[in-house]
Amino acid sequence: MPGYPQYEKKVWKWDFEPAGNKSYTRKGWRLYAYVPDPDAPEPILALAFLAYDKSDQPKGNPAKHLADALKGFLYATVDIKATPDKFRRMGGPNDQVVSLCYECFETIISENDSEADIAESTHECPKG
């Protein structure tokens, strides 16, 4: 999805034709599903999170609409276990990620969230 790399290859769509529809050029309704692991062995798990009649298609940026719908779906269905955070992430210059360690107050600057995850998991506080 343009602008949402965290959902790349994880949002799948299907167009369906309602029973009795005589139009052969345009399917009548659309279904979107979230695929947590698109590279998993088949059968691949797909969780439907949005469906609508294409005549009622939302206006505006479709990627933003899908991301908002998916965030709401995941928020309502995923049980997140809270753990104490060792780091606080903030936006930095040039879209970098700045992580602040709460134990030693050292900052780590990363290019993106994936790099920040690795840097935080390998970070060792200086012995003091």
C-alpha atoms as a PDB file:
ATOM      1  CA  MET A   1       0.000   0.000   0.000  1.00  0.00           C
ATOM      2  CA  PRO A   2       1.516   3.338  -0.993  1.00  0.00           C
ATOM      3  CA  GLY A   3       2.582   5.250   2.107  1.00  0.00           C
ATOM      4  CA  TYR A   4       2.129   2.241   4.432  1.00  0.00           C
ATOM      5  CA  PRO A   5       5.160  -0.067   4.000  1.00  0.00           C
ATOM      6  CA  GLN A   6       4.289  -1.990   7.189  1.00  0.00           C
ATOM      7  CA  TYR A   7       1.262  -3.441   5.352  1.00  0.00           C
ATOM      8  CA  GLU A   8       3.141  -4.289   2.129  1.00  0.00           C
ATOM      9  CA  LYS A   9       1.936  -7.675   0.800  1.00  0.00           C
ATOM     10  CA  LYS A  10      -0.260  -8.067   3.911  1.00  0.00           C
ATOM     11  CA  VAL A  11      -3.486  -6.513   2.554  1.00  0.00           C
ATOM     12  CA  TRP A  12      -5.209  -8.592  -0.118  1.00  0.00           C
ATOM     13  CA  LYS A  13      -8.364  -7.687  -2.027  1.00  0.00           C
ATOM     14  CA  TRP A  14     -11.004  -9.580  -3.934  1.00  0.00           C
ATOM     15  CA  ASP A  15     -13.836  -8.308  -6.101  1.00  0.00           C
ATOM     16  CA  PHE A  16     -17.066 -10.300  -6.154  1.00  0.00           C
ATOM     17  CA  GLU A  17     -20.241 -10.225  -8.172  1.00  0.00           C
ATOM     18  CA  PRO A  18     -23.517 -10.534  -6.265  1.00  0.00           C
ATOM     19  CA  ALA A  19     -25.892 -13.323  -7.275  1.00  0.00           C
ATOM     20  CA  GLY A  20     -28.156 -12.235 -10.121  1.00  0.00           C
ATOM     21  CA  ASN A  21     -25.846  -9.425 -11.285  1.00  0.00           C
ATOM     22  CA  LYS A  22     -25.944  -9.098 -15.083  1.00  0.00           C
ATOM     23  CA  SER A  23     -22.894  -6.822 -15.468  1.00  0.00           C
ATOM     24  CA  TYR A  24     -19.931  -8.622 -16.973  1.00  0.00           C
ATOM     25  CA  THR A  25     -17.592  -5.630 -16.891  1.00  0.00           C
ATOM     26  CA  ARG A  26     -17.585  -4.619 -13.223  1.00  0.00           C
ATOM     27  CA  LYS A  27     -17.854  -6.760 -10.128  1.00  0.00           C
ATOM     28  CA  GLY A  28     -20.291  -5.497  -7.513  1.00  0.00           C
ATOM     29  CA  TRP A  29     -18.493  -5.580  -4.186  1.00  0.00           C
ATOM     30  CA  ARG A  30     -15.000  -5.638  -2.724  1.00  0.00           C
ATOM     31  CA  LEU A  31     -13.482  -7.523   0.215  1.00  0.00           C
ATOM     32  CA  TYR A  32     -10.170  -6.707   1.913  1.00  0.00           C
ATOM     33  CA  ALA A  33      -8.318  -9.140   4.162  1.00  0.00           C
ATOM     34  CA  TYR A  34      -5.238  -8.886   6.381  1.00  0.00           C
ATOM     35  CA  VAL A  35      -2.643 -11.620   5.860  1.00  0.00           C
ATOM     36  CA  PRO A  36      -0.279 -11.729   8.880  1.00  0.00           C
ATOM     37  CA  ASP A  37       2.274 -13.958   7.100  1.00  0.00           C
ATOM     38  CA  PRO A  38       2.000 -13.805   3.290  1.00  0.00           C
ATOM     39  CA  ASP A  39       4.939 -16.220   2.907  1.00  0.00           C
ATOM     40  CA  ALA A  40       3.410 -18.917   5.113  1.00  0.00           C
ATOM     41  CA  PRO A  41       2.760 -22.362   3.655  1.00  0.00           C
ATOM     42  CA  GLU A  42      -0.693 -22.864   2.181  1.00  0.00           C
ATOM     43  CA  PRO A  43      -3.442 -22.565   3.222  1.00  0.00           C
ATOM     44  CA  ILE A  44      -2.594 -18.938   3.968  1.00  0.00           C
ATOM     45  CA  LEU A  45      -4.581 -17.317   6.769  1.00  0.00           C
ATOM     46  CA  ALA A  46      -6.482 -14.208   5.594  1.00  0.00           C
ATOM     47  CA  LEU A  47      -8.637 -12.254   8.059  1.00  0.00           C
ATOM     48  CA  ALA A  48     -11.376 -10.180   6.406  1.00  0.00           C
ATOM     49  CA  PHE A  49     -11.515  -6.666   7.842  1.00  0.00           C
ATOM     50  CA  LEU A  50     -13.449  -4.577   5.317  1.00  0.00           C
ATOM     51  CA  ALA A  51     -16.131  -5.183   2.694  1.00  0.00           C
ATOM     52  CA  TYR A  52     -18.326  -2.733   0.801  1.00  0.00           C
ATOM     53  CA  ASP A  53     -20.536  -2.371  -2.241  1.00  0.00           C
ATOM     54  CA  LYS A  54     -18.416  -0.716  -4.915  1.00  0.00           C
ATOM     55  CA  SER A  55     -21.160   1.842  -5.550  1.00  0.00           C
ATOM     56  CA  ASP A  56     -20.523   3.002  -1.948  1.00  0.00           C
ATOM     57  CA  GLN A  57     -16.735   3.125  -2.375  1.00  0.00           C
ATOM     58  CA  PRO A  58     -15.126   5.553   0.107  1.00  0.00           C
ATOM     59  CA  LYS A  59     -13.938   8.875  -1.275  1.00  0.00           C
ATOM     60  CA  GLY A  60     -10.414  10.225  -0.890  1.00  0.00           C
ATOM     61  CA  ASN A  61      -7.133   8.361  -0.520  1.00  0.00           C
ATOM     62  CA  PRO A  62      -7.937   4.618  -0.626  1.00  0.00           C
ATOM     63  CA  ALA A  63      -4.657   3.658   1.088  1.00  0.00           C
ATOM     64  CA  LYS A  64      -5.434   5.921   4.068  1.00  0.00           C
ATOM     65  CA  HIS A  65      -8.973   4.564   4.316  1.00  0.00           C
ATOM     66  CA  LEU A  66      -7.673   0.963   4.255  1.00  0.00           C
ATOM     67  CA  ALA A  67      -4.942   1.680   6.801  1.00  0.00           C
ATOM     68  CA  ASP A  68      -7.462   3.304   9.169  1.00  0.00           C
ATOM     69  CA  ALA A  69      -9.864   0.364   8.792  1.00  0.00           C
ATOM     70  CA  LEU A  70      -7.050  -2.139   9.337  1.00  0.00           C
ATOM     71  CA  LYS A  71      -5.730  -0.311  12.408  1.00  0.00           C
ATOM     72  CA  GLY A  72      -9.217  -0.343  13.902  1.00  0.00           C
ATOM     73  CA  PHE A  73      -9.592  -4.053  13.127  1.00  0.00           C
ATOM     74  CA  LEU A  74      -6.210  -4.951  14.627  1.00  0.00           C
ATOM     75  CA  TYR A  75      -6.855  -2.786  17.686  1.00  0.00           C
ATOM     76  CA  ALA A  76     -10.160  -4.570  18.299  1.00  0.00           C
ATOM     77  CA  THR A  77      -8.916  -8.110  17.676  1.00  0.00           C
ATOM     78  CA  VAL A  78      -5.263  -8.328  18.723  1.00  0.00           C
ATOM     79  CA  ASP A  79      -4.534  -8.850  22.412  1.00  0.00           C
ATOM     80  CA  ILE A  80      -1.377  -6.896  23.179  1.00  0.00           C
ATOM     81  CA  LYS A  81       0.519  -7.823  26.310  1.00  0.00           C
ATOM     82  CA  ALA A  82       2.140  -4.757  27.854  1.00  0.00           C
ATOM     83  CA  THR A  83       5.794  -5.004  28.783  1.00  0.00           C
ATOM     84  CA  PRO A  84       7.898  -2.314  30.408  1.00  0.00           C
ATOM     85  CA  ASP A  85       9.609  -0.310  27.698  1.00  0.00           C
ATOM     86  CA  LYS A  86      13.363   0.058  27.894  1.00  0.00           C
ATOM     87  CA  PHE A  87      13.403   2.579  25.044  1.00  0.00           C
ATOM     88  CA  ARG A  88      11.425   5.603  23.973  1.00  0.00           C
ATOM     89  CA  ARG A  89      11.267   6.240  20.230  1.00  0.00           C
ATOM     90  CA  MET A  90      11.004   9.682  18.715  1.00  0.00           C
ATOM     91  CA  GLY A  91      11.175  11.066  15.222  1.00  0.00           C
ATOM     92  CA  GLY A  92      14.518  12.538  14.269  1.00  0.00           C
ATOM     93  CA  PRO A  93      15.931  14.598  11.426  1.00  0.00           C
ATOM     94  CA  ASN A  94      15.524  13.260   7.878  1.00  0.00           C
ATOM     95  CA  ASP A  95      12.818  10.803   9.005  1.00  0.00           C
ATOM     96  CA  GLN A  96      15.289   8.958  11.208  1.00  0.00           C
ATOM     97  CA  VAL A  97      14.284   7.139  14.397  1.00  0.00           C
ATOM     98  CA  VAL A  98      15.830   8.246  17.677  1.00  0.00           C
ATOM     99  CA  SER A  99      15.709   5.720  20.530  1.00  0.00           C
ATOM    100  CA  LEU A 100      16.411   6.816  24.107  1.00  0.00           C
ATOM    101  CA  CYS A 101      17.444   4.108  26.570  1.00  0.00           C
ATOM    102  CA  TYR A 102      15.695   4.635  29.924  1.00  0.00           C
ATOM    103  CA  GLU A 103      18.440   2.772  31.803  1.00  0.00           C
ATOM    104  CA  CYS A 104      21.607   4.574  30.602  1.00  0.00           C
ATOM    105  CA  PHE A 105      19.996   7.533  28.731  1.00  0.00           C
ATOM    106  CA  GLU A 106      22.075   6.837  25.638  1.00  0.00           C
ATOM    107  CA  THR A 107      20.493   7.770  22.308  1.00  0.00           C
ATOM    108  CA  ILE A 108      20.588   5.548  19.245  1.00  0.00           C
ATOM    109  CA  ILE A 109      19.863   6.979  15.810  1.00  0.00           C
ATOM    110  CA  SER A 110      18.534   4.575  13.156  1.00  0.00           C
ATOM    111  CA  GLU A 111      17.373   4.992   9.565  1.00  0.00           C
ATOM    112  CA  ASN A 112      14.033   3.201  10.058  1.00  0.00           C
ATOM    113  CA  ASP A 113      11.987   1.138  12.525  1.00  0.00           C
ATOM    114  CA  SER A 114      13.552  -2.159  11.438  1.00  0.00           C
ATOM    115  CA  GLU A 115      17.055  -0.862  12.139  1.00  0.00           C
ATOM    116  CA  ALA A 116      15.843   0.616  15.431  1.00  0.00           C
ATOM    117  CA  ASP A 117      14.443  -2.795  16.456  1.00  0.00           C
ATOM    118  CA  ILE A 118      17.838  -4.400  15.827  1.00  0.00           C
ATOM    119  CA  ALA A 119      19.796  -1.607  17.538  1.00  0.00           C
ATOM    120  CA  GLU A 120      17.556  -1.714  20.607  1.00  0.00           C
ATOM    121  CA  SER A 121      17.690  -5.512  20.879  1.00  0.00           C
ATOM    122  CA  THR A 122      21.521  -5.525  20.712  1.00  0.00           C
ATOM    123  CA  HIS A 123      22.066  -2.429  22.877  1.00  0.00           C
ATOM    124  CA  GLU A 124      24.155  -2.984  25.988  1.00  0.00           C
ATOM    125  CA  CYS A 125      24.186  -0.274  28.596  1.00  0.00           C
ATOM    126  CA  PRO A 126      27.706   0.862  29.588  1.00  0.00           C
ATOM    127  CA  LYS A 127      28.849  -0.510  32.926  1.00  0.00           C
ATOM    128  CA  GLY A 128      28.901   2.303  35.424  1.00  0.00           C
END
